[in-house]
Each structure stands twice: as C-alpha cells, then as structure tokens.
Amino acid sequence: MIIVFPLMAVNTMVRLSAKTDYALRAMLDLAMHPDVRTTFPAIAERQGIPRKFLPTVLQSLIQAGFVRTIRGYGGGIELASDPREITVRQIVESVEGRQQLYDCDSRNIDCSVKANCLLRDVLVRAGGAMLEVLAQTTLADMVPETSAEEEELVTAGA
C-alpha cells in the first residue's frame, strides 16, 4: 500500500490575515469598553494597530453590522450588538470570507492523487472542528473578567 500525502493540501491551511487580526483586536477592544464610545485612533493606540489600516478593517465590521459609528459631538464608534451575540467565526468571515482548512476542490488544483488522498477526510474534519470552535466562541467569551478590586478602582477613579 502506498501512502500519499500531497503537499498542496498542507499548504491550504487557514491563515488569518493581518486585517483579520486587527479586526479581532478592534472588536475585543470595543467589547472591553462597552459603556464608552471610542475613536479609531484610541483603538489603534490601545491595540497597537497601524492607524492607516484601521478604517478599512472597521469598514468590514460596519458592513457586517457588528460596529456602528455615531457622528457629531459625543460621537464615535461602538459595538452594534451585545458581545454575547457575536461569534469569532462571524468576525473572521466578515473580513476573510468563508473559511475552509481543505479547499483543493474549490481551487481546482490539479492533483494527481486527489482521488486517493489520505489527508482529505482528516483535513475536512479538522476544518469543521476549527470552525465549530470559532462559531461557539463569542466576543464576550474572550473579554477578560475584571476582579471586584479592579472594578472598585475603576469606579472610584483610582
């Protein structure tokens, strides 16, 4: 029996782009400051996101309905939904599009071992498991809980 591991399948693993990384960090920042409207520069500063990329990143999130902007005095940017209702998968797919770990079929790769590929089923299952974890993880799940002491310090202005 010959075991075939086509290298093309290994190279099709999901890699999140910098844009997706920035989107996730921006969304976490907004979720960590739920009662405060903020600005693009403030998010960029807190999250170490290059300012020139943030408007493009946030535009994807605005179009997906996760973020809203408020114009005028006292305006800014805020989450449009409860962080418990926004999944990591939704954020990733709003920026990257639909994700697959194994996508040889959709990319029409000319692979001589496609019919007998031993990795295909494993990668399809792994991709499904990864997407399931992202779908089950909400933005709220990723926000660190503050201790009672930290909360008192914040409210006391210390």
C-alpha atoms as a PDB file:
ATOM      1  CA  MET A   1       0.000   0.000   0.000  1.00  0.00           C
ATOM      2  CA  ILE A   2       1.339   3.457  -0.949  1.00  0.00           C
ATOM      3  CA  ILE A   3       0.509   6.317   1.404  1.00  0.00           C
ATOM      4  CA  VAL A   4       0.062   9.618  -0.398  1.00  0.00           C
ATOM      5  CA  PHE A   5       0.332  12.997   1.345  1.00  0.00           C
ATOM      6  CA  PRO A   6       0.024  15.721  -1.287  1.00  0.00           C
ATOM      7  CA  LEU A   7       1.881  18.842  -0.228  1.00  0.00           C
ATOM      8  CA  MET A   8      -0.737  21.088  -1.815  1.00  0.00           C
ATOM      9  CA  ALA A   9      -3.288  20.109   0.813  1.00  0.00           C
ATOM     10  CA  VAL A  10      -0.906  21.026   3.622  1.00  0.00           C
ATOM     11  CA  ASN A  11      -0.365  24.486   2.117  1.00  0.00           C
ATOM     12  CA  THR A  12      -4.091  25.271   2.055  1.00  0.00           C
ATOM     13  CA  MET A  13      -4.416  25.627   5.827  1.00  0.00           C
ATOM     14  CA  VAL A  14      -6.325  28.632   7.077  1.00  0.00           C
ATOM     15  CA  ARG A  15      -4.104  31.557   7.878  1.00  0.00           C
ATOM     16  CA  LEU A  16      -5.671  34.659   9.260  1.00  0.00           C
ATOM     17  CA  SER A  17      -4.533  37.851   7.625  1.00  0.00           C
ATOM     18  CA  ALA A  18      -3.281  40.924   9.446  1.00  0.00           C
ATOM     19  CA  LYS A  19      -6.631  42.512   8.595  1.00  0.00           C
ATOM     20  CA  THR A  20      -8.460  39.750  10.472  1.00  0.00           C
ATOM     21  CA  ASP A  21      -6.058  40.007  13.400  1.00  0.00           C
ATOM     22  CA  TYR A  22      -6.717  43.748  13.562  1.00  0.00           C
ATOM     23  CA  ALA A  23     -10.482  43.199  13.275  1.00  0.00           C
ATOM     24  CA  LEU A  24     -10.486  40.734  16.155  1.00  0.00           C
ATOM     25  CA  ARG A  25      -8.379  43.049  18.308  1.00  0.00           C
ATOM     26  CA  ALA A  26     -10.595  46.040  17.498  1.00  0.00           C
ATOM     27  CA  MET A  27     -13.737  44.072  18.342  1.00  0.00           C
ATOM     28  CA  LEU A  28     -12.203  42.886  21.618  1.00  0.00           C
ATOM     29  CA  ASP A  29     -11.271  46.463  22.438  1.00  0.00           C
ATOM     30  CA  LEU A  30     -14.846  47.600  21.864  1.00  0.00           C
ATOM     31  CA  ALA A  31     -16.173  44.700  23.947  1.00  0.00           C
ATOM     32  CA  MET A  32     -13.775  45.548  26.777  1.00  0.00           C
ATOM     33  CA  HIS A  33     -15.111  49.136  26.852  1.00  0.00           C
ATOM     34  CA  PRO A  34     -18.846  48.557  26.366  1.00  0.00           C
ATOM     35  CA  ASP A  35     -20.081  51.741  28.005  1.00  0.00           C
ATOM     36  CA  VAL A  36     -17.752  54.110  26.202  1.00  0.00           C
ATOM     37  CA  ARG A  37     -17.871  55.365  22.641  1.00  0.00           C
ATOM     38  CA  THR A  38     -14.371  55.422  21.362  1.00  0.00           C
ATOM     39  CA  THR A  39     -12.467  56.600  18.306  1.00  0.00           C
ATOM     40  CA  PHE A  40     -10.394  54.936  15.612  1.00  0.00           C
ATOM     41  CA  PRO A  41      -7.161  56.491  16.958  1.00  0.00           C
ATOM     42  CA  ALA A  42      -7.937  55.330  20.514  1.00  0.00           C
ATOM     43  CA  ILE A  43      -8.478  51.732  19.375  1.00  0.00           C
ATOM     44  CA  ALA A  44      -5.329  51.873  17.253  1.00  0.00           C
ATOM     45  CA  GLU A  45      -3.320  53.172  20.211  1.00  0.00           C
ATOM     46  CA  ARG A  46      -4.639  50.643  22.745  1.00  0.00           C
ATOM     47  CA  GLN A  47      -4.312  47.675  20.389  1.00  0.00           C
ATOM     48  CA  GLY A  48      -1.131  48.575  18.540  1.00  0.00           C
ATOM     49  CA  ILE A  49      -2.917  48.614  15.189  1.00  0.00           C
ATOM     50  CA  PRO A  50      -1.447  50.845  12.480  1.00  0.00           C
ATOM     51  CA  ARG A  51      -3.814  53.817  12.151  1.00  0.00           C
ATOM     52  CA  LYS A  52      -3.814  53.721   8.372  1.00  0.00           C
ATOM     53  CA  PHE A  53      -5.316  50.187   8.326  1.00  0.00           C
ATOM     54  CA  LEU A  54      -7.999  50.608  10.972  1.00  0.00           C
ATOM     55  CA  PRO A  55     -10.636  52.455   8.873  1.00  0.00           C
ATOM     56  CA  THR A  56     -10.509  49.699   6.238  1.00  0.00           C
ATOM     57  CA  VAL A  57     -10.767  46.995   8.886  1.00  0.00           C
ATOM     58  CA  LEU A  58     -13.630  48.714  10.665  1.00  0.00           C
ATOM     59  CA  GLN A  59     -15.488  49.263   7.390  1.00  0.00           C
ATOM     60  CA  SER A  60     -15.810  45.472   7.026  1.00  0.00           C
ATOM     61  CA  LEU A  61     -17.161  45.264  10.572  1.00  0.00           C
ATOM     62  CA  ILE A  62     -19.593  48.134   9.968  1.00  0.00           C
ATOM     63  CA  GLN A  63     -20.874  46.480   6.773  1.00  0.00           C
ATOM     64  CA  ALA A  64     -21.351  43.218   8.697  1.00  0.00           C
ATOM     65  CA  GLY A  65     -23.427  45.108  11.280  1.00  0.00           C
ATOM     66  CA  PHE A  66     -21.087  44.458  14.218  1.00  0.00           C
ATOM     67  CA  VAL A  67     -19.982  48.069  14.695  1.00  0.00           C
ATOM     68  CA  ARG A  68     -21.753  51.385  14.319  1.00  0.00           C
ATOM     69  CA  THR A  69     -20.458  54.903  14.112  1.00  0.00           C
ATOM     70  CA  ILE A  70     -22.148  57.909  15.630  1.00  0.00           C
ATOM     71  CA  ARG A  71     -21.405  61.273  14.036  1.00  0.00           C
ATOM     72  CA  GLY A  72     -21.179  64.636  15.685  1.00  0.00           C
ATOM     73  CA  TYR A  73     -20.347  65.840  19.145  1.00  0.00           C
ATOM     74  CA  GLY A  74     -20.056  62.913  21.540  1.00  0.00           C
ATOM     75  CA  GLY A  75     -19.957  60.537  18.607  1.00  0.00           C
ATOM     76  CA  GLY A  76     -17.542  57.750  17.986  1.00  0.00           C
ATOM     77  CA  ILE A  77     -17.582  54.042  17.401  1.00  0.00           C
ATOM     78  CA  GLU A  78     -19.251  51.278  19.400  1.00  0.00           C
ATOM     79  CA  LEU A  79     -20.470  47.715  19.141  1.00  0.00           C
ATOM     80  CA  ALA A  80     -23.816  47.448  17.390  1.00  0.00           C
ATOM     81  CA  SER A  81     -24.747  44.226  19.192  1.00  0.00           C
ATOM     82  CA  ASP A  82     -24.265  42.524  22.502  1.00  0.00           C
ATOM     83  CA  PRO A  83     -20.816  40.823  22.560  1.00  0.00           C
ATOM     84  CA  ARG A  84     -22.582  37.603  23.617  1.00  0.00           C
ATOM     85  CA  GLU A  85     -24.293  37.549  20.202  1.00  0.00           C
ATOM     86  CA  ILE A  86     -21.169  37.988  18.043  1.00  0.00           C
ATOM     87  CA  THR A  87     -19.049  34.911  17.368  1.00  0.00           C
ATOM     88  CA  VAL A  88     -15.396  34.814  16.448  1.00  0.00           C
ATOM     89  CA  ARG A  89     -16.362  32.922  13.302  1.00  0.00           C
ATOM     90  CA  GLN A  90     -18.692  35.746  12.255  1.00  0.00           C
ATOM     91  CA  ILE A  91     -15.917  38.297  12.728  1.00  0.00           C
ATOM     92  CA  VAL A  92     -13.370  36.210  10.819  1.00  0.00           C
ATOM     93  CA  GLU A  93     -15.776  35.533   7.960  1.00  0.00           C
ATOM     94  CA  SER A  94     -16.821  39.195   7.752  1.00  0.00           C
ATOM     95  CA  VAL A  95     -13.203  40.020   6.929  1.00  0.00           C
ATOM     96  CA  GLU A  96     -11.841  36.853   5.276  1.00  0.00           C
ATOM     97  CA  GLY A  97     -14.950  35.337   3.755  1.00  0.00           C
ATOM     98  CA  ARG A  98     -15.945  31.712   4.308  1.00  0.00           C
ATOM     99  CA  GLN A  99     -13.140  29.612   5.710  1.00  0.00           C
ATOM    100  CA  GLN A 100     -12.044  26.083   4.883  1.00  0.00           C
ATOM    101  CA  LEU A 101      -8.993  24.208   6.053  1.00  0.00           C
ATOM    102  CA  TYR A 102      -9.127  21.968   2.999  1.00  0.00           C
ATOM    103  CA  ASP A 103     -10.032  23.674  -0.242  1.00  0.00           C
ATOM    104  CA  CYS A 104      -8.361  21.741  -3.048  1.00  0.00           C
ATOM    105  CA  ASP A 105     -11.736  21.159  -4.693  1.00  0.00           C
ATOM    106  CA  SER A 106     -12.776  24.804  -4.666  1.00  0.00           C
ATOM    107  CA  ARG A 107      -9.416  25.969  -6.046  1.00  0.00           C
ATOM    108  CA  ASN A 108      -9.386  23.430  -8.932  1.00  0.00           C
ATOM    109  CA  ILE A 109      -5.917  22.223  -8.014  1.00  0.00           C
ATOM    110  CA  ASP A 110      -4.552  19.715 -10.489  1.00  0.00           C
ATOM    111  CA  CYS A 111      -3.518  16.984  -8.098  1.00  0.00           C
ATOM    112  CA  SER A 112      -2.619  13.516  -9.335  1.00  0.00           C
ATOM    113  CA  VAL A 113      -3.601  11.908  -6.026  1.00  0.00           C
ATOM    114  CA  LYS A 114      -6.859  13.769  -5.364  1.00  0.00           C
ATOM    115  CA  ALA A 115      -8.973  10.643  -5.787  1.00  0.00           C
ATOM    116  CA  ASN A 116      -6.870   8.678  -3.280  1.00  0.00           C
ATOM    117  CA  CYS A 117      -5.862  11.475  -0.932  1.00  0.00           C
ATOM    118  CA  LEU A 118      -5.470  10.238   2.603  1.00  0.00           C
ATOM    119  CA  LEU A 119      -5.379  13.723   4.104  1.00  0.00           C
ATOM    120  CA  ARG A 120      -8.638  14.955   2.664  1.00  0.00           C
ATOM    121  CA  ASP A 121     -11.030  13.461   5.223  1.00  0.00           C
ATOM    122  CA  VAL A 122      -8.781  14.387   8.136  1.00  0.00           C
ATOM    123  CA  LEU A 123      -8.419  17.980   6.940  1.00  0.00           C
ATOM    124  CA  VAL A 124     -12.141  18.306   6.268  1.00  0.00           C
ATOM    125  CA  ARG A 125     -12.901  17.088   9.813  1.00  0.00           C
ATOM    126  CA  ALA A 126     -10.188  19.315  11.316  1.00  0.00           C
ATOM    127  CA  GLY A 127     -11.515  22.327   9.428  1.00  0.00           C
ATOM    128  CA  GLY A 128     -15.044  21.585  10.598  1.00  0.00           C
ATOM    129  CA  ALA A 129     -13.846  21.299  14.206  1.00  0.00           C
ATOM    130  CA  MET A 130     -11.947  24.581  13.960  1.00  0.00           C
ATOM    131  CA  LEU A 131     -14.954  26.397  12.520  1.00  0.00           C
ATOM    132  CA  GLU A 132     -17.166  24.899  15.216  1.00  0.00           C
ATOM    133  CA  VAL A 133     -14.863  26.248  17.956  1.00  0.00           C
ATOM    134  CA  LEU A 134     -14.893  29.692  16.317  1.00  0.00           C
ATOM    135  CA  ALA A 135     -18.691  29.526  15.999  1.00  0.00           C
ATOM    136  CA  GLN A 136     -19.116  28.567  19.654  1.00  0.00           C
ATOM    137  CA  THR A 137     -16.790  31.291  20.947  1.00  0.00           C
ATOM    138  CA  THR A 138     -18.402  34.674  21.383  1.00  0.00           C
ATOM    139  CA  LEU A 139     -16.710  38.004  21.711  1.00  0.00           C
ATOM    140  CA  ALA A 140     -17.887  38.098  25.330  1.00  0.00           C
ATOM    141  CA  ASP A 141     -16.152  34.769  25.992  1.00  0.00           C
ATOM    142  CA  MET A 142     -12.810  36.345  25.134  1.00  0.00           C
ATOM    143  CA  VAL A 143     -13.160  39.509  27.230  1.00  0.00           C
ATOM    144  CA  PRO A 144     -11.126  39.099  30.396  1.00  0.00           C
ATOM    145  CA  GLU A 145     -13.165  39.287  33.557  1.00  0.00           C
ATOM    146  CA  THR A 146     -12.130  42.068  35.890  1.00  0.00           C
ATOM    147  CA  SER A 147     -11.814  41.324  39.556  1.00  0.00           C
ATOM    148  CA  ALA A 148     -14.017  43.082  42.101  1.00  0.00           C
ATOM    149  CA  GLU A 149     -10.962  45.034  43.301  1.00  0.00           C
ATOM    150  CA  GLU A 150     -10.170  46.253  39.791  1.00  0.00           C
ATOM    151  CA  GLU A 151     -13.806  47.253  39.298  1.00  0.00           C
ATOM    152  CA  GLU A 152     -13.769  49.256  42.536  1.00  0.00           C
ATOM    153  CA  LEU A 153     -10.585  51.028  41.477  1.00  0.00           C
ATOM    154  CA  VAL A 154     -12.080  51.970  38.123  1.00  0.00           C
ATOM    155  CA  THR A 155     -15.343  53.256  39.605  1.00  0.00           C
ATOM    156  CA  ALA A 156     -13.546  55.087  42.416  1.00  0.00           C
ATOM    157  CA  GLY A 157     -11.328  56.846  39.877  1.00  0.00           C
ATOM    158  CA  ALA A 158      -8.103  55.490  41.368  1.00  0.00           C
END
